[in-house]
């Protein structure tokens, strides 16, 4: 049986090396993670939630075309600082905001190299993770948890309770969902919580072991890193190196994984144009500066549609 680690979770890894082809031509020069939700990049929303949950070190794995992500989390340029200072009190809050971004956490950046797949970035930063539990977080999907504790608070709480790897999940509600996500099945510990014995990728409704679809992030204990090499060796030719392969190898060797449904208002995936537009609307109606005017615009717009 795999030995688990009970250290406090203070590290997060964000893979952000993809090309964002579904948003071309916009993403030819701008990383998809930098697409805004109102006035803040998607990746910043995610980092802020991580920091609020106690994360101190954020490791972002990028590609050659993602320099703007590094620039965003760096200290603001002297020219920008001087411009905002010259604006006096009217610009003071903006100066405080841009200075806050770089001080939210300790940021580390690495370049992705290796086979295609969403677990390759993890293989690139093993040395930075060390012997600590960590969150592995996608940069384009998250949960609307207003009225609940955040996704990462819930995941860390589950880790503290079960002392093992945690898979945040949603319940599939459409036929197409069963061909989109990986599904966890096993022993039900409580409603919405499963001790995972099966993890099946895109199984279709008939073969799905449950309705719990793994999304958004994972919390890993450090021992899972030792299975990266074996998981890669077993990778079939032509297949991408995905987190499904790593978790399957881990479970097959006695590692414990618990899947937990996240309490939230909605799961938000900004990975395609329609989903991103829906997320824009959600954040616009919540924005204190424009909420009222935007809601009125939406009402008027719907009326013009007939």
Protein backbone atom coordinates (compact mmCIF):
# COMPACT_ATOMS: atom_id res chain seq x y z
CA UNK A 1 0.00 0.00 0.00
CA UNK A 2 1.21 3.52 -0.79
CA UNK A 3 2.32 5.64 2.15
CA UNK A 4 0.49 8.96 2.34
CA UNK A 5 1.65 12.42 3.35
CA UNK A 6 -0.17 14.67 5.81
CA UNK A 7 1.68 17.95 5.27
CA UNK A 8 -0.24 21.18 4.79
CA UNK A 9 -1.12 21.98 1.18
CA UNK A 10 0.76 25.13 0.16
CA UNK A 11 1.75 24.41 -3.47
CA UNK A 12 -0.18 24.45 -6.73
CA UNK A 13 0.85 23.61 -10.28
CA UNK A 14 -0.98 25.15 -13.24
CA UNK A 15 -0.34 23.68 -16.71
CA UNK A 16 -0.63 26.52 -19.23
CA UNK A 17 1.28 25.53 -22.34
CA UNK A 18 -1.56 24.78 -24.77
CA UNK A 19 -2.18 26.75 -27.97
CA UNK A 20 -5.87 27.53 -27.35
CA UNK A 21 -6.75 26.64 -30.93
CA UNK A 22 -10.50 26.95 -30.31
CA UNK A 23 -9.99 30.71 -29.82
CA UNK A 24 -7.85 31.40 -32.87
CA UNK A 25 -7.03 33.93 -34.21
CA UNK A 26 -7.30 35.69 -30.82
CA UNK A 27 -4.89 33.23 -29.22
CA UNK A 28 -2.26 33.53 -31.94
CA UNK A 29 -0.55 36.13 -29.77
CA UNK A 30 -2.54 36.01 -26.50
CA UNK A 31 -2.55 32.90 -24.29
CA UNK A 32 -6.09 31.59 -23.71
CA UNK A 33 -5.38 31.74 -19.96
CA UNK A 34 -5.09 35.53 -20.34
CA UNK A 35 -8.54 35.95 -21.87
CA UNK A 36 -10.43 38.31 -19.56
CA UNK A 37 -13.50 37.79 -17.46
CA UNK A 38 -14.57 41.45 -17.41
CA UNK A 39 -11.24 43.07 -16.39
CA UNK A 40 -9.26 40.16 -14.98
CA UNK A 41 -7.56 37.24 -16.78
CA UNK A 42 -9.05 33.80 -16.20
CA UNK A 43 -5.82 32.54 -14.70
CA UNK A 44 -5.79 35.37 -12.14
CA UNK A 45 -9.27 34.41 -10.92
CA UNK A 46 -7.95 30.90 -10.33
CA UNK A 47 -4.74 32.05 -8.62
CA UNK A 48 -6.74 34.29 -6.27
CA UNK A 49 -8.90 31.33 -5.20
CA UNK A 50 -5.78 29.24 -4.63
CA UNK A 51 -4.22 31.95 -2.47
CA UNK A 52 -7.44 32.33 -0.50
CA UNK A 53 -7.28 28.57 0.22
CA UNK A 54 -3.77 28.86 1.67
CA UNK A 55 -1.54 28.28 -1.34
CA UNK A 56 1.82 30.04 -1.04
CA UNK A 57 3.75 28.73 -4.06
CA UNK A 58 2.25 28.76 -7.55
CA UNK A 59 4.16 26.89 -10.27
CA UNK A 60 3.00 27.70 -13.81
CA UNK A 61 4.19 25.52 -16.69
CA UNK A 62 4.14 27.45 -19.95
CA UNK A 63 5.34 27.32 -23.54
CA UNK A 64 7.47 29.66 -25.65
CA UNK A 65 4.35 31.65 -26.61
CA UNK A 66 3.17 32.31 -23.05
CA UNK A 67 5.53 35.06 -21.90
CA UNK A 68 2.61 37.39 -21.16
CA UNK A 69 1.54 35.11 -18.28
CA UNK A 70 4.93 35.58 -16.66
CA UNK A 71 4.74 39.33 -17.27
CA UNK A 72 1.27 39.50 -15.71
CA UNK A 73 2.41 37.98 -12.42
CA UNK A 74 5.63 39.98 -12.35
CA UNK A 75 5.98 43.39 -10.70
CA UNK A 76 4.47 46.22 -12.77
CA UNK A 77 6.85 48.17 -14.99
CA UNK A 78 8.23 51.47 -13.74
CA UNK A 79 6.45 53.25 -16.61
CA UNK A 80 3.07 51.86 -15.56
CA UNK A 81 3.71 52.72 -11.91
CA UNK A 82 4.68 56.31 -12.80
CA UNK A 83 1.62 56.70 -15.03
CA UNK A 84 -0.75 55.51 -12.28
CA UNK A 85 0.94 57.65 -9.64
CA UNK A 86 0.55 60.66 -11.87
CA UNK A 87 -3.19 59.99 -11.90
CA UNK A 88 -3.40 60.81 -8.21
CA UNK A 89 -6.18 59.45 -6.02
CA UNK A 90 -8.32 58.47 -9.02
CA UNK A 91 -5.68 55.93 -10.09
CA UNK A 92 -4.47 54.91 -6.65
CA UNK A 93 -6.68 51.82 -6.41
CA UNK A 94 -5.41 50.65 -9.80
CA UNK A 95 -1.81 51.03 -8.66
CA UNK A 96 -2.57 49.00 -5.53
CA UNK A 97 -4.26 46.32 -7.64
CA UNK A 98 -1.41 45.82 -10.12
CA UNK A 99 1.16 45.82 -7.31
CA UNK A 100 -0.92 43.24 -5.41
CA UNK A 101 -0.84 40.73 -8.27
CA UNK A 102 2.86 39.91 -8.01
CA UNK A 103 2.79 39.71 -4.21
CA UNK A 104 -0.15 37.28 -3.90
CA UNK A 105 2.15 34.24 -3.90
CA UNK A 106 5.60 33.03 -4.80
CA UNK A 107 5.47 32.45 -8.55
CA UNK A 108 7.68 29.97 -10.40
CA UNK A 109 7.70 29.34 -14.14
CA UNK A 110 8.88 26.36 -16.16
CA UNK A 111 8.75 25.45 -19.84
CA UNK A 112 6.92 22.33 -20.93
CA UNK A 113 8.84 19.62 -22.73
CA UNK A 114 8.01 16.01 -23.48
CA UNK A 115 5.07 14.13 -25.01
CA UNK A 116 1.76 15.85 -25.63
CA UNK A 117 -0.73 15.57 -22.81
CA UNK A 118 -2.01 17.33 -19.72
CA UNK A 119 0.20 15.42 -17.26
CA UNK A 120 3.51 16.18 -19.00
CA UNK A 121 3.79 19.58 -17.22
CA UNK A 122 3.70 17.74 -13.90
CA UNK A 123 6.63 15.60 -15.01
CA UNK A 124 8.55 18.80 -15.80
CA UNK A 125 8.30 20.27 -12.28
CA UNK A 126 8.72 17.28 -9.96
CA UNK A 127 11.82 18.83 -8.43
CA UNK A 128 9.92 22.02 -7.55
CA UNK A 129 7.13 20.08 -5.85
CA UNK A 130 9.37 17.98 -3.67
CA UNK A 131 7.83 15.82 -0.96
CA UNK A 132 4.65 17.84 -0.47
CA UNK A 133 0.97 17.48 -1.36
CA UNK A 134 -0.12 19.87 -4.10
CA UNK A 135 -3.01 21.02 -6.22
CA UNK A 136 -2.85 20.43 -9.98
CA UNK A 137 -5.18 22.98 -11.51
CA UNK A 138 -6.47 23.52 -15.04
CA UNK A 139 -6.35 27.17 -16.10
CA UNK A 140 -9.65 27.34 -17.98
CA UNK A 141 -12.33 25.81 -15.76
CA UNK A 142 -13.53 26.42 -12.24
CA UNK A 143 -16.63 26.60 -10.05
CA UNK A 144 -19.02 29.40 -9.14
CA UNK A 145 -19.12 28.86 -5.38
CA UNK A 146 -20.82 32.03 -4.14
CA UNK A 147 -22.57 31.03 -0.93
CA UNK A 148 -20.28 28.00 -0.49
CA UNK A 149 -16.64 27.61 0.47
CA UNK A 150 -14.42 27.68 -2.61
CA UNK A 151 -13.54 24.59 -4.62
CA UNK A 152 -10.01 24.53 -3.26
CA UNK A 153 -11.17 24.93 0.35
CA UNK A 154 -13.49 21.97 -0.18
CA UNK A 155 -10.76 19.87 -1.79
CA UNK A 156 -8.20 20.62 0.94
CA UNK A 157 -10.82 19.85 3.60
CA UNK A 158 -11.43 16.47 1.93
CA UNK A 159 -7.68 15.80 1.83
CA UNK A 160 -7.44 16.59 5.54
CA UNK A 161 -10.30 14.19 6.25
CA UNK A 162 -9.30 11.27 4.01
CA UNK A 163 -5.50 11.74 3.87
CA UNK A 164 -5.21 10.85 0.18
CA UNK A 165 -5.46 12.17 -3.38
CA UNK A 166 -8.72 14.02 -4.09
CA UNK A 167 -10.62 14.38 -7.38
CA UNK A 168 -13.13 17.28 -7.49
CA UNK A 169 -16.20 16.21 -9.45
CA UNK A 170 -19.49 17.29 -10.94
CA UNK A 171 -22.51 15.13 -11.61
CA UNK A 172 -23.07 14.50 -15.30
CA UNK A 173 -26.42 15.82 -16.47
CA UNK A 174 -26.19 15.40 -20.24
CA UNK A 175 -25.62 12.38 -22.47
CA UNK A 176 -22.68 14.14 -24.12
CA UNK A 177 -20.93 14.60 -20.76
CA UNK A 178 -20.21 10.87 -20.61
CA UNK A 179 -18.05 11.20 -23.73
CA UNK A 180 -16.20 14.26 -22.46
CA UNK A 181 -14.84 13.54 -18.97
CA UNK A 182 -13.28 10.73 -16.91
CA UNK A 183 -15.61 9.04 -14.41
CA UNK A 184 -14.88 7.70 -10.94
CA UNK A 185 -16.51 4.60 -9.49
CA UNK A 186 -15.99 2.69 -6.28
CA UNK A 187 -17.20 2.53 -2.69
CA UNK A 188 -19.54 5.33 -1.62
CA UNK A 189 -18.29 6.88 1.61
CA UNK A 190 -21.10 9.43 1.84
CA UNK A 191 -23.42 11.14 -0.68
CA UNK A 192 -21.25 12.50 -3.48
CA UNK A 193 -18.03 11.00 -2.09
CA UNK A 194 -16.48 7.82 -3.52
CA UNK A 195 -13.38 5.83 -2.62
CA UNK A 196 -12.20 5.31 -6.19
CA UNK A 197 -11.61 1.78 -7.49
CA UNK A 198 -12.31 2.53 -11.16
CA UNK A 199 -11.42 5.55 -13.23
CA UNK A 200 -12.69 5.39 -16.81
CA UNK A 201 -12.09 8.03 -19.47
CA UNK A 202 -14.98 8.99 -21.76
CA UNK A 203 -16.89 5.76 -21.11
CA UNK A 204 -20.30 6.67 -22.52
CA UNK A 205 -23.35 6.48 -20.27
CA UNK A 206 -23.70 2.67 -20.37
CA UNK A 207 -20.13 1.95 -19.27
CA UNK A 208 -19.73 4.81 -16.78
CA UNK A 209 -19.08 3.48 -13.23
CA UNK A 210 -20.97 6.45 -11.75
CA UNK A 211 -22.18 9.92 -12.67
CA UNK A 212 -19.19 11.59 -10.95
CA UNK A 213 -17.09 13.35 -13.59
CA UNK A 214 -13.62 14.57 -12.61
CA UNK A 215 -13.12 18.25 -13.56
CA UNK A 216 -11.18 21.42 -12.81
CA UNK A 217 -8.32 20.20 -10.61
CA UNK A 218 -6.80 17.40 -8.61
CA UNK A 219 -5.09 17.27 -5.24
CA UNK A 220 -2.17 14.85 -5.27
CA UNK A 221 -0.06 13.45 -2.48
CA UNK A 222 3.65 13.48 -3.44
CA UNK A 223 3.98 9.71 -3.69
CA UNK A 224 1.98 9.75 -6.93
CA UNK A 225 4.97 11.37 -8.66
CA UNK A 226 6.90 8.13 -8.48
CA UNK A 227 4.36 6.57 -10.87
CA UNK A 228 4.87 9.08 -13.67
CA UNK A 229 7.66 7.04 -15.24
CA UNK A 230 5.69 3.78 -15.27
CA UNK A 231 2.56 5.51 -16.54
CA UNK A 232 4.50 6.99 -19.43
CA UNK A 233 6.07 3.63 -20.30
CA UNK A 234 2.60 2.12 -20.66
CA UNK A 235 1.38 4.93 -22.90
CA UNK A 236 0.06 3.54 -26.18
CA UNK A 237 1.55 4.92 -29.42
CA UNK A 238 -0.34 7.97 -30.65
CA UNK A 239 -2.00 8.67 -27.28
CA UNK A 240 -1.46 11.81 -25.23
CA UNK A 241 0.06 11.54 -21.75
CA UNK A 242 -2.93 12.41 -19.56
CA UNK A 243 -3.73 12.56 -15.87
CA UNK A 244 -6.10 9.61 -16.42
CA UNK A 245 -3.03 7.43 -17.13
CA UNK A 246 -1.27 8.55 -13.96
CA UNK A 247 -4.27 8.07 -11.67
CA UNK A 248 -5.01 4.64 -13.17
CA UNK A 249 -1.40 3.52 -12.58
CA UNK A 250 -1.55 4.86 -9.03
CA UNK A 251 -4.81 3.10 -8.15
CA UNK A 252 -3.63 -0.15 -9.71
CA UNK A 253 -0.61 -0.07 -7.39
CA UNK A 254 -2.62 0.47 -4.23
CA UNK A 255 -2.78 4.26 -4.12
CA UNK A 256 -5.90 5.76 -2.58
CA UNK A 257 -7.98 8.34 -4.43
CA UNK A 258 -11.26 9.85 -3.26
CA UNK A 259 -13.68 11.57 -5.64
CA UNK A 260 -15.85 14.31 -4.18
CA UNK A 261 -18.68 16.27 -5.73
CA UNK A 262 -18.05 19.99 -5.26
CA UNK A 263 -20.84 22.04 -3.68
CA UNK A 264 -21.32 24.94 -6.10
CA UNK A 265 -23.84 26.97 -8.05
CA UNK A 266 -22.29 25.96 -11.35
CA UNK A 267 -19.27 24.42 -13.02
CA UNK A 268 -17.72 26.87 -15.46
CA UNK A 269 -15.63 25.72 -18.42
CA UNK A 270 -14.17 28.57 -20.46
CA UNK A 271 -12.45 26.26 -22.94
CA UNK A 272 -14.61 27.18 -25.93
CA UNK A 273 -16.19 30.37 -27.25
CA UNK A 274 -19.73 29.81 -26.03
CA UNK A 275 -18.63 28.72 -22.56
CA UNK A 276 -16.32 31.74 -22.27
CA UNK A 277 -19.13 34.11 -23.25
CA UNK A 278 -21.39 32.56 -20.62
CA UNK A 279 -18.66 33.04 -18.02
CA UNK A 280 -18.27 36.66 -19.13
CA UNK A 281 -21.95 37.26 -18.48
CA UNK A 282 -21.78 35.62 -15.06
CA UNK A 283 -18.91 37.82 -13.96
CA UNK A 284 -20.38 40.94 -15.54
CA UNK A 285 -23.62 40.66 -13.56
CA UNK A 286 -21.55 40.25 -10.39
CA UNK A 287 -19.23 43.19 -11.06
CA UNK A 288 -20.10 46.02 -8.66
CA UNK A 289 -19.12 48.72 -11.15
CA UNK A 290 -21.20 47.57 -14.10
CA UNK A 291 -23.72 45.05 -12.75
CA UNK A 292 -26.79 47.29 -12.81
CA UNK A 293 -26.13 48.76 -16.26
CA UNK A 294 -25.21 45.38 -17.72
CA UNK A 295 -28.37 43.72 -16.42
CA UNK A 296 -30.43 46.49 -17.99
CA UNK A 297 -28.56 46.06 -21.26
CA UNK A 298 -29.31 42.33 -21.23
CA UNK A 299 -33.01 42.99 -20.66
CA UNK A 300 -33.11 45.50 -23.52
CA UNK A 301 -31.16 43.18 -25.78
CA UNK A 302 -33.51 40.26 -25.15
CA UNK A 303 -36.45 42.50 -26.01
CA UNK A 304 -34.86 43.43 -29.36
CA UNK A 305 -34.52 39.72 -30.16
CA UNK A 306 -38.27 39.39 -29.89
